[in-house]
Amino acid sequence: MSFDFTPRAMLSVRHLRYRRLWIAVGVALILMVAIASMITIPAPLKVVMMKDKLMHTLAYAGLMGWFAQIYRHDLTRLLLAVGLVLMGVGIEYLQGMTTTRHFDVLDMVANTSGVVLAWALAYTWVGTLLARFEGLFSRSTVHSSS
């Protein structure tokens, strides 16, 4: 396996038919994670979120996994990984400036772990789930209109 870190075709998304929709969903996911990271968590939800580090790992794995399926170029994936790690670190510093949340280095580790896990999985069959979903959806609409 060889990697392509040249800037040529970094933002190419030819493999997806509904690329604008998937990018919009990804931006919404980033906003949801950022907002959820800064708001006060109601007491009933704190019970559900007892596995805090697991939640951090899954949230950032979800973000990286989502965008790694949209952008298959190696350099783009690398930049996405760096950007998401920096987002996780930045949010932790912002939380440390509030009176309702706190700074936690282990949250940064969990965020980064999620990004790295999804980045690695993007190079397996997991990285093709969105394209496969589109393929199934496209086939079912073609068959139903026949």
N, C-alpha and C. Protein backbone atom coordinates (compact mmCIF):
# COMPACT_ATOMS: atom_id res chain seq x y z
N MET A 1 0.85 -1.18 0.00
CA MET A 1 0.00 0.00 0.00
C MET A 1 0.89 1.24 0.00
N SER A 2 0.65 2.12 -0.94
CA SER A 2 1.40 3.37 -0.97
C SER A 2 0.45 4.53 -0.67
N PHE A 3 0.98 5.52 -0.03
CA PHE A 3 0.18 6.67 0.36
C PHE A 3 0.46 7.84 -0.57
N ASP A 4 -0.54 8.67 -0.79
CA ASP A 4 -0.41 9.84 -1.66
C ASP A 4 -0.53 11.11 -0.82
N PHE A 5 0.61 11.74 -0.58
CA PHE A 5 0.61 12.98 0.19
C PHE A 5 0.85 14.20 -0.69
N THR A 6 0.63 14.05 -1.99
CA THR A 6 0.71 15.20 -2.89
C THR A 6 -0.59 16.00 -2.77
N PRO A 7 -0.55 17.31 -2.99
CA PRO A 7 -1.76 18.11 -2.86
C PRO A 7 -2.76 17.95 -4.01
N ARG A 8 -2.39 17.20 -5.04
CA ARG A 8 -3.26 17.02 -6.20
C ARG A 8 -4.51 16.24 -5.81
N ALA A 9 -5.69 16.76 -6.15
CA ALA A 9 -6.99 16.10 -5.93
C ALA A 9 -7.32 15.84 -4.46
N MET A 10 -6.81 16.70 -3.59
CA MET A 10 -7.04 16.52 -2.15
C MET A 10 -8.51 16.52 -1.77
N LEU A 11 -9.30 17.34 -2.42
CA LEU A 11 -10.71 17.49 -2.04
C LEU A 11 -11.65 16.76 -2.98
N SER A 12 -11.12 15.84 -3.75
CA SER A 12 -11.95 15.08 -4.69
C SER A 12 -12.91 14.16 -3.93
N VAL A 13 -14.17 14.19 -4.36
CA VAL A 13 -15.19 13.35 -3.73
C VAL A 13 -16.04 12.72 -4.84
N ARG A 14 -15.39 12.25 -5.87
CA ARG A 14 -16.11 11.70 -7.03
C ARG A 14 -16.83 10.39 -6.73
N HIS A 15 -16.43 9.69 -5.70
CA HIS A 15 -17.00 8.39 -5.38
C HIS A 15 -18.36 8.48 -4.70
N LEU A 16 -18.79 9.68 -4.31
CA LEU A 16 -20.07 9.84 -3.62
C LEU A 16 -21.03 10.68 -4.44
N ARG A 17 -22.22 10.21 -4.58
CA ARG A 17 -23.25 10.91 -5.34
C ARG A 17 -23.83 12.10 -4.56
N TYR A 18 -24.00 11.92 -3.25
CA TYR A 18 -24.64 12.94 -2.41
C TYR A 18 -23.62 13.66 -1.54
N ARG A 19 -22.47 14.00 -2.17
CA ARG A 19 -21.37 14.57 -1.42
C ARG A 19 -21.73 15.80 -0.62
N ARG A 20 -22.53 16.69 -1.15
CA ARG A 20 -22.90 17.92 -0.41
C ARG A 20 -23.71 17.59 0.83
N LEU A 21 -24.59 16.63 0.72
CA LEU A 21 -25.37 16.20 1.88
C LEU A 21 -24.45 15.63 2.95
N TRP A 22 -23.53 14.74 2.55
CA TRP A 22 -22.64 14.11 3.53
C TRP A 22 -21.72 15.13 4.20
N ILE A 23 -21.25 16.11 3.44
CA ILE A 23 -20.41 17.16 4.04
C ILE A 23 -21.24 18.00 5.01
N ALA A 24 -22.47 18.33 4.64
CA ALA A 24 -23.35 19.11 5.53
C ALA A 24 -23.63 18.33 6.81
N VAL A 25 -23.87 17.04 6.71
CA VAL A 25 -24.08 16.22 7.90
C VAL A 25 -22.82 16.24 8.77
N GLY A 26 -21.66 16.13 8.15
CA GLY A 26 -20.40 16.17 8.89
C GLY A 26 -20.18 17.48 9.62
N VAL A 27 -20.50 18.59 8.97
CA VAL A 27 -20.38 19.90 9.62
C VAL A 27 -21.35 19.97 10.81
N ALA A 28 -22.56 19.45 10.63
CA ALA A 28 -23.53 19.42 11.73
C ALA A 28 -23.02 18.57 12.89
N LEU A 29 -22.37 17.46 12.58
CA LEU A 29 -21.80 16.61 13.63
C LEU A 29 -20.71 17.34 14.40
N ILE A 30 -19.85 18.07 13.69
CA ILE A 30 -18.80 18.84 14.36
C ILE A 30 -19.43 19.88 15.28
N LEU A 31 -20.45 20.58 14.79
CA LEU A 31 -21.12 21.58 15.62
C LEU A 31 -21.77 20.94 16.85
N MET A 32 -22.38 19.78 16.67
CA MET A 32 -23.01 19.09 17.80
C MET A 32 -21.97 18.71 18.86
N VAL A 33 -20.84 18.18 18.43
CA VAL A 33 -19.79 17.80 19.38
C VAL A 33 -19.25 19.05 20.09
N ALA A 34 -19.02 20.11 19.34
CA ALA A 34 -18.49 21.35 19.94
C ALA A 34 -19.47 21.94 20.95
N ILE A 35 -20.74 21.99 20.57
CA ILE A 35 -21.74 22.55 21.47
C ILE A 35 -21.92 21.67 22.70
N ALA A 36 -22.03 20.35 22.49
CA ALA A 36 -22.20 19.43 23.62
C ALA A 36 -21.00 19.48 24.56
N SER A 37 -19.84 19.83 24.03
CA SER A 37 -18.63 19.91 24.85
C SER A 37 -18.61 21.16 25.73
N MET A 38 -19.40 22.15 25.37
CA MET A 38 -19.34 23.43 26.10
C MET A 38 -20.55 23.68 27.00
N ILE A 39 -21.66 22.99 26.77
CA ILE A 39 -22.85 23.26 27.58
C ILE A 39 -22.80 22.48 28.89
N THR A 40 -23.60 22.91 29.83
CA THR A 40 -23.73 22.19 31.09
C THR A 40 -24.57 20.95 30.86
N ILE A 41 -24.09 19.84 31.34
CA ILE A 41 -24.80 18.58 31.15
C ILE A 41 -25.82 18.41 32.27
N PRO A 42 -27.11 18.22 31.91
CA PRO A 42 -28.13 18.01 32.94
C PRO A 42 -27.85 16.75 33.75
N ALA A 43 -28.25 16.76 35.01
CA ALA A 43 -27.98 15.64 35.93
C ALA A 43 -28.44 14.29 35.39
N PRO A 44 -29.65 14.16 34.80
CA PRO A 44 -30.06 12.84 34.30
C PRO A 44 -29.13 12.29 33.21
N LEU A 45 -28.57 13.18 32.39
CA LEU A 45 -27.66 12.73 31.33
C LEU A 45 -26.30 12.33 31.88
N LYS A 46 -25.92 12.91 33.02
CA LYS A 46 -24.63 12.55 33.61
C LYS A 46 -24.58 11.08 33.96
N VAL A 47 -25.73 10.54 34.39
CA VAL A 47 -25.79 9.11 34.71
C VAL A 47 -25.54 8.27 33.47
N VAL A 48 -26.13 8.67 32.34
CA VAL A 48 -25.95 7.95 31.08
C VAL A 48 -24.52 8.06 30.60
N MET A 49 -23.90 9.19 30.86
CA MET A 49 -22.55 9.46 30.35
C MET A 49 -21.46 9.09 31.36
N MET A 50 -21.71 8.10 32.18
CA MET A 50 -20.73 7.68 33.18
C MET A 50 -19.41 7.25 32.53
N LYS A 51 -19.49 6.72 31.35
CA LYS A 51 -18.30 6.30 30.63
C LYS A 51 -17.78 7.47 29.80
N ASP A 52 -17.37 8.52 30.47
CA ASP A 52 -16.97 9.78 29.84
C ASP A 52 -15.89 9.60 28.78
N LYS A 53 -14.85 8.87 29.10
CA LYS A 53 -13.74 8.72 28.15
C LYS A 53 -14.18 7.93 26.92
N LEU A 54 -15.04 6.94 27.12
CA LEU A 54 -15.57 6.18 26.00
C LEU A 54 -16.40 7.09 25.09
N MET A 55 -17.18 7.97 25.69
CA MET A 55 -17.99 8.92 24.91
C MET A 55 -17.08 9.84 24.09
N HIS A 56 -16.00 10.32 24.68
CA HIS A 56 -15.04 11.17 23.95
C HIS A 56 -14.44 10.40 22.78
N THR A 57 -14.01 9.17 23.04
CA THR A 57 -13.40 8.36 21.99
C THR A 57 -14.38 8.12 20.85
N LEU A 58 -15.62 7.75 21.18
CA LEU A 58 -16.62 7.47 20.15
C LEU A 58 -17.00 8.73 19.36
N ALA A 59 -17.12 9.86 20.05
CA ALA A 59 -17.48 11.10 19.36
C ALA A 59 -16.42 11.49 18.33
N TYR A 60 -15.17 11.44 18.72
CA TYR A 60 -14.11 11.84 17.80
C TYR A 60 -13.83 10.77 16.75
N ALA A 61 -14.04 9.51 17.10
CA ALA A 61 -13.94 8.46 16.09
C ALA A 61 -15.05 8.64 15.06
N GLY A 62 -16.23 9.01 15.52
CA GLY A 62 -17.34 9.25 14.60
C GLY A 62 -17.05 10.39 13.64
N LEU A 63 -16.50 11.47 14.17
CA LEU A 63 -16.17 12.61 13.30
C LEU A 63 -15.11 12.23 12.27
N MET A 64 -14.03 11.61 12.73
CA MET A 64 -12.96 11.25 11.81
C MET A 64 -13.44 10.20 10.83
N GLY A 65 -14.19 9.23 11.31
CA GLY A 65 -14.70 8.18 10.44
C GLY A 65 -15.62 8.73 9.36
N TRP A 66 -16.44 9.69 9.74
CA TRP A 66 -17.37 10.30 8.79
C TRP A 66 -16.61 11.00 7.66
N PHE A 67 -15.70 11.89 8.05
CA PHE A 67 -14.99 12.67 7.04
C PHE A 67 -13.97 11.83 6.27
N ALA A 68 -13.40 10.79 6.88
CA ALA A 68 -12.45 9.93 6.18
C ALA A 68 -13.15 9.12 5.08
N GLN A 69 -14.44 8.91 5.22
CA GLN A 69 -15.18 8.23 4.15
C GLN A 69 -15.50 9.18 3.00
N ILE A 70 -15.65 10.44 3.31
CA ILE A 70 -15.93 11.44 2.28
C ILE A 70 -14.65 11.77 1.52
N TYR A 71 -13.58 12.03 2.27
CA TYR A 71 -12.31 12.42 1.67
C TYR A 71 -11.33 11.25 1.78
N ARG A 72 -11.04 10.62 0.66
CA ARG A 72 -10.18 9.43 0.64
C ARG A 72 -8.71 9.74 0.42
N HIS A 73 -8.40 10.96 0.04
CA HIS A 73 -7.00 11.33 -0.23
C HIS A 73 -6.21 11.28 1.08
N ASP A 74 -5.03 10.68 1.03
CA ASP A 74 -4.23 10.47 2.24
C ASP A 74 -3.84 11.77 2.94
N LEU A 75 -3.43 12.77 2.17
CA LEU A 75 -3.04 14.04 2.78
C LEU A 75 -4.26 14.71 3.41
N THR A 76 -5.40 14.63 2.77
CA THR A 76 -6.61 15.21 3.33
C THR A 76 -6.97 14.52 4.64
N ARG A 77 -6.87 13.21 4.66
CA ARG A 77 -7.16 12.47 5.90
C ARG A 77 -6.18 12.85 7.01
N LEU A 78 -4.92 13.01 6.65
CA LEU A 78 -3.93 13.43 7.65
C LEU A 78 -4.30 14.80 8.22
N LEU A 79 -4.64 15.73 7.34
CA LEU A 79 -5.01 17.08 7.79
C LEU A 79 -6.30 17.06 8.62
N LEU A 80 -7.24 16.21 8.24
CA LEU A 80 -8.46 16.05 9.04
C LEU A 80 -8.12 15.53 10.44
N ALA A 81 -7.25 14.55 10.50
CA ALA A 81 -6.86 13.98 11.79
C ALA A 81 -6.21 15.05 12.67
N VAL A 82 -5.28 15.79 12.10
CA VAL A 82 -4.61 16.85 12.86
C VAL A 82 -5.63 17.90 13.30
N GLY A 83 -6.52 18.30 12.39
CA GLY A 83 -7.53 19.30 12.72
C GLY A 83 -8.46 18.85 13.83
N LEU A 84 -8.89 17.60 13.79
CA LEU A 84 -9.79 17.10 14.83
C LEU A 84 -9.09 16.96 16.17
N VAL A 85 -7.82 16.54 16.15
CA VAL A 85 -7.05 16.48 17.40
C VAL A 85 -6.92 17.88 17.98
N LEU A 86 -6.60 18.86 17.14
CA LEU A 86 -6.48 20.24 17.61
C LEU A 86 -7.82 20.77 18.13
N MET A 87 -8.91 20.38 17.47
CA MET A 87 -10.25 20.77 17.95
C MET A 87 -10.48 20.22 19.35
N GLY A 88 -10.15 18.95 19.56
CA GLY A 88 -10.34 18.34 20.88
C GLY A 88 -9.50 19.00 21.95
N VAL A 89 -8.26 19.32 21.62
CA VAL A 89 -7.38 20.01 22.57
C VAL A 89 -7.92 21.42 22.86
N GLY A 90 -8.31 22.13 21.80
CA GLY A 90 -8.83 23.48 21.97
C GLY A 90 -10.09 23.52 22.82
N ILE A 91 -10.97 22.57 22.59
CA ILE A 91 -12.21 22.54 23.39
C ILE A 91 -11.89 22.28 24.85
N GLU A 92 -10.92 21.44 25.13
CA GLU A 92 -10.55 21.19 26.54
C GLU A 92 -10.04 22.47 27.20
N TYR A 93 -9.25 23.24 26.47
CA TYR A 93 -8.77 24.51 27.03
C TYR A 93 -9.94 25.47 27.25
N LEU A 94 -10.87 25.50 26.30
CA LEU A 94 -12.06 26.36 26.48
C LEU A 94 -12.89 25.90 27.68
N GLN A 95 -13.03 24.61 27.87
CA GLN A 95 -13.77 24.10 29.02
C GLN A 95 -13.11 24.54 30.32
N GLY A 96 -11.79 24.58 30.32
CA GLY A 96 -11.06 25.01 31.52
C GLY A 96 -11.31 26.47 31.87
N MET A 97 -11.78 27.24 30.91
CA MET A 97 -12.06 28.67 31.15
C MET A 97 -13.49 28.91 31.64
N THR A 98 -14.30 27.86 31.67
CA THR A 98 -15.69 28.02 32.11
C THR A 98 -15.81 27.64 33.58
N THR A 99 -16.94 28.00 34.15
CA THR A 99 -17.20 27.62 35.54
C THR A 99 -18.00 26.32 35.63
N THR A 100 -18.53 25.87 34.50
CA THR A 100 -19.39 24.69 34.52
C THR A 100 -18.72 23.42 33.99
N ARG A 101 -17.62 23.55 33.30
CA ARG A 101 -16.88 22.40 32.77
C ARG A 101 -15.45 22.49 33.28
N HIS A 102 -14.67 21.42 33.07
CA HIS A 102 -13.29 21.45 33.54
C HIS A 102 -12.33 20.89 32.49
N PHE A 103 -11.10 21.31 32.59
CA PHE A 103 -10.01 20.88 31.71
C PHE A 103 -9.58 19.49 32.14
N ASP A 104 -9.40 18.58 31.16
CA ASP A 104 -9.00 17.22 31.48
C ASP A 104 -8.09 16.68 30.38
N VAL A 105 -6.84 16.43 30.71
CA VAL A 105 -5.88 15.91 29.75
C VAL A 105 -6.32 14.54 29.24
N LEU A 106 -6.94 13.74 30.10
CA LEU A 106 -7.38 12.42 29.67
C LEU A 106 -8.49 12.50 28.63
N ASP A 107 -9.28 13.57 28.65
CA ASP A 107 -10.26 13.78 27.59
C ASP A 107 -9.55 14.00 26.25
N MET A 108 -8.44 14.74 26.30
CA MET A 108 -7.65 14.96 25.08
C MET A 108 -7.11 13.64 24.55
N VAL A 109 -6.66 12.79 25.45
CA VAL A 109 -6.14 11.47 25.06
C VAL A 109 -7.26 10.64 24.44
N ALA A 110 -8.44 10.67 25.03
CA ALA A 110 -9.57 9.91 24.51
C ALA A 110 -9.99 10.45 23.14
N ASN A 111 -10.04 11.77 22.99
CA ASN A 111 -10.38 12.37 21.70
C ASN A 111 -9.39 11.93 20.62
N THR A 112 -8.12 12.04 20.94
CA THR A 112 -7.06 11.68 20.00
C THR A 112 -7.12 10.19 19.67
N SER A 113 -7.39 9.37 20.66
CA SER A 113 -7.51 7.93 20.43
C SER A 113 -8.63 7.63 19.43
N GLY A 114 -9.74 8.32 19.58
CA GLY A 114 -10.85 8.13 18.65
C GLY A 114 -10.48 8.52 17.23
N VAL A 115 -9.79 9.63 17.09
CA VAL A 115 -9.36 10.09 15.77
C VAL A 115 -8.42 9.08 15.13
N VAL A 116 -7.43 8.62 15.88
CA VAL A 116 -6.43 7.69 15.35
C VAL A 116 -7.10 6.34 15.00
N LEU A 117 -8.01 5.88 15.85
CA LEU A 117 -8.71 4.62 15.58
C LEU A 117 -9.49 4.70 14.27
N ALA A 118 -10.27 5.76 14.11
CA ALA A 118 -11.07 5.91 12.89
C ALA A 118 -10.19 6.14 11.66
N TRP A 119 -9.10 6.84 11.84
CA TRP A 119 -8.16 7.06 10.73
C TRP A 119 -7.63 5.71 10.23
N ALA A 120 -7.26 4.85 11.15
CA ALA A 120 -6.77 3.52 10.76
C ALA A 120 -7.88 2.70 10.11
N LEU A 121 -9.07 2.73 10.70
CA LEU A 121 -10.19 1.95 10.15
C LEU A 121 -10.63 2.45 8.78
N ALA A 122 -10.33 3.70 8.47
CA ALA A 122 -10.71 4.25 7.16
C ALA A 122 -10.02 3.51 6.02
N TYR A 123 -8.92 2.84 6.31
CA TYR A 123 -8.18 2.10 5.29
C TYR A 123 -8.61 0.62 5.21
N THR A 124 -9.72 0.30 5.89
CA THR A 124 -10.29 -1.04 5.82
C THR A 124 -11.67 -0.94 5.17
N TRP A 125 -12.42 -2.02 5.19
CA TRP A 125 -13.78 -2.02 4.65
C TRP A 125 -14.68 -1.02 5.36
N VAL A 126 -14.35 -0.67 6.59
CA VAL A 126 -15.15 0.30 7.34
C VAL A 126 -15.17 1.65 6.63
N GLY A 127 -14.07 1.98 5.97
CA GLY A 127 -13.96 3.24 5.26
C GLY A 127 -14.79 3.34 3.99
N THR A 128 -15.49 2.27 3.66
CA THR A 128 -16.32 2.27 2.45
C THR A 128 -17.81 2.20 2.78
N LEU A 129 -18.18 2.28 4.05
CA LEU A 129 -19.58 2.11 4.43
C LEU A 129 -20.51 3.15 3.81
N LEU A 130 -20.09 4.39 3.78
CA LEU A 130 -20.94 5.45 3.23
C LEU A 130 -21.16 5.23 1.73
N ALA A 131 -20.12 4.91 1.01
CA ALA A 131 -20.26 4.64 -0.43
C ALA A 131 -21.11 3.41 -0.67
N ARG A 132 -20.96 2.39 0.17
CA ARG A 132 -21.80 1.19 0.05
C ARG A 132 -23.26 1.51 0.32
N PHE A 133 -23.50 2.33 1.33
CA PHE A 133 -24.86 2.74 1.64
C PHE A 133 -25.48 3.46 0.44
N GLU A 134 -24.73 4.38 -0.13
CA GLU A 134 -25.21 5.08 -1.33
C GLU A 134 -25.52 4.10 -2.44
N GLY A 135 -24.66 3.13 -2.63
CA GLY A 135 -24.87 2.12 -3.67
C GLY A 135 -26.16 1.34 -3.44
N LEU A 136 -26.42 0.96 -2.21
CA LEU A 136 -27.66 0.25 -1.88
C LEU A 136 -28.87 1.14 -2.10
N PHE A 137 -28.77 2.38 -1.66
CA PHE A 137 -29.87 3.33 -1.79
C PHE A 137 -30.15 3.61 -3.26
N SER A 138 -29.09 3.80 -4.04
CA SER A 138 -29.26 4.09 -5.47
C SER A 138 -29.89 2.92 -6.20
N ARG A 139 -29.47 1.70 -5.87
CA ARG A 139 -30.05 0.51 -6.49
C ARG A 139 -31.52 0.36 -6.14
N SER A 140 -31.87 0.63 -4.85
CA SER A 140 -33.26 0.44 -4.44
C SER A 140 -34.17 1.49 -5.11
N THR A 141 -33.66 2.71 -5.34
CA THR A 141 -34.50 3.71 -6.01
C THR A 141 -34.63 3.41 -7.48
N VAL A 142 -33.60 2.81 -8.08
CA VAL A 142 -33.66 2.44 -9.50
C VAL A 142 -34.67 1.30 -9.68
N HIS A 143 -34.61 0.30 -8.78
CA HIS A 143 -35.53 -0.84 -8.88
C HIS A 143 -36.97 -0.43 -8.61
N SER A 144 -37.18 0.48 -7.65
CA SER A 144 -38.55 0.87 -7.32
C SER A 144 -39.18 1.75 -8.39
N SER A 145 -38.36 2.42 -9.21
CA SER A 145 -38.91 3.26 -10.26
C SER A 145 -39.11 2.50 -11.56
N SER A 146 -38.67 1.24 -11.62
CA SER A 146 -38.81 0.44 -12.84
C SER A 146 -40.22 -0.08 -13.02
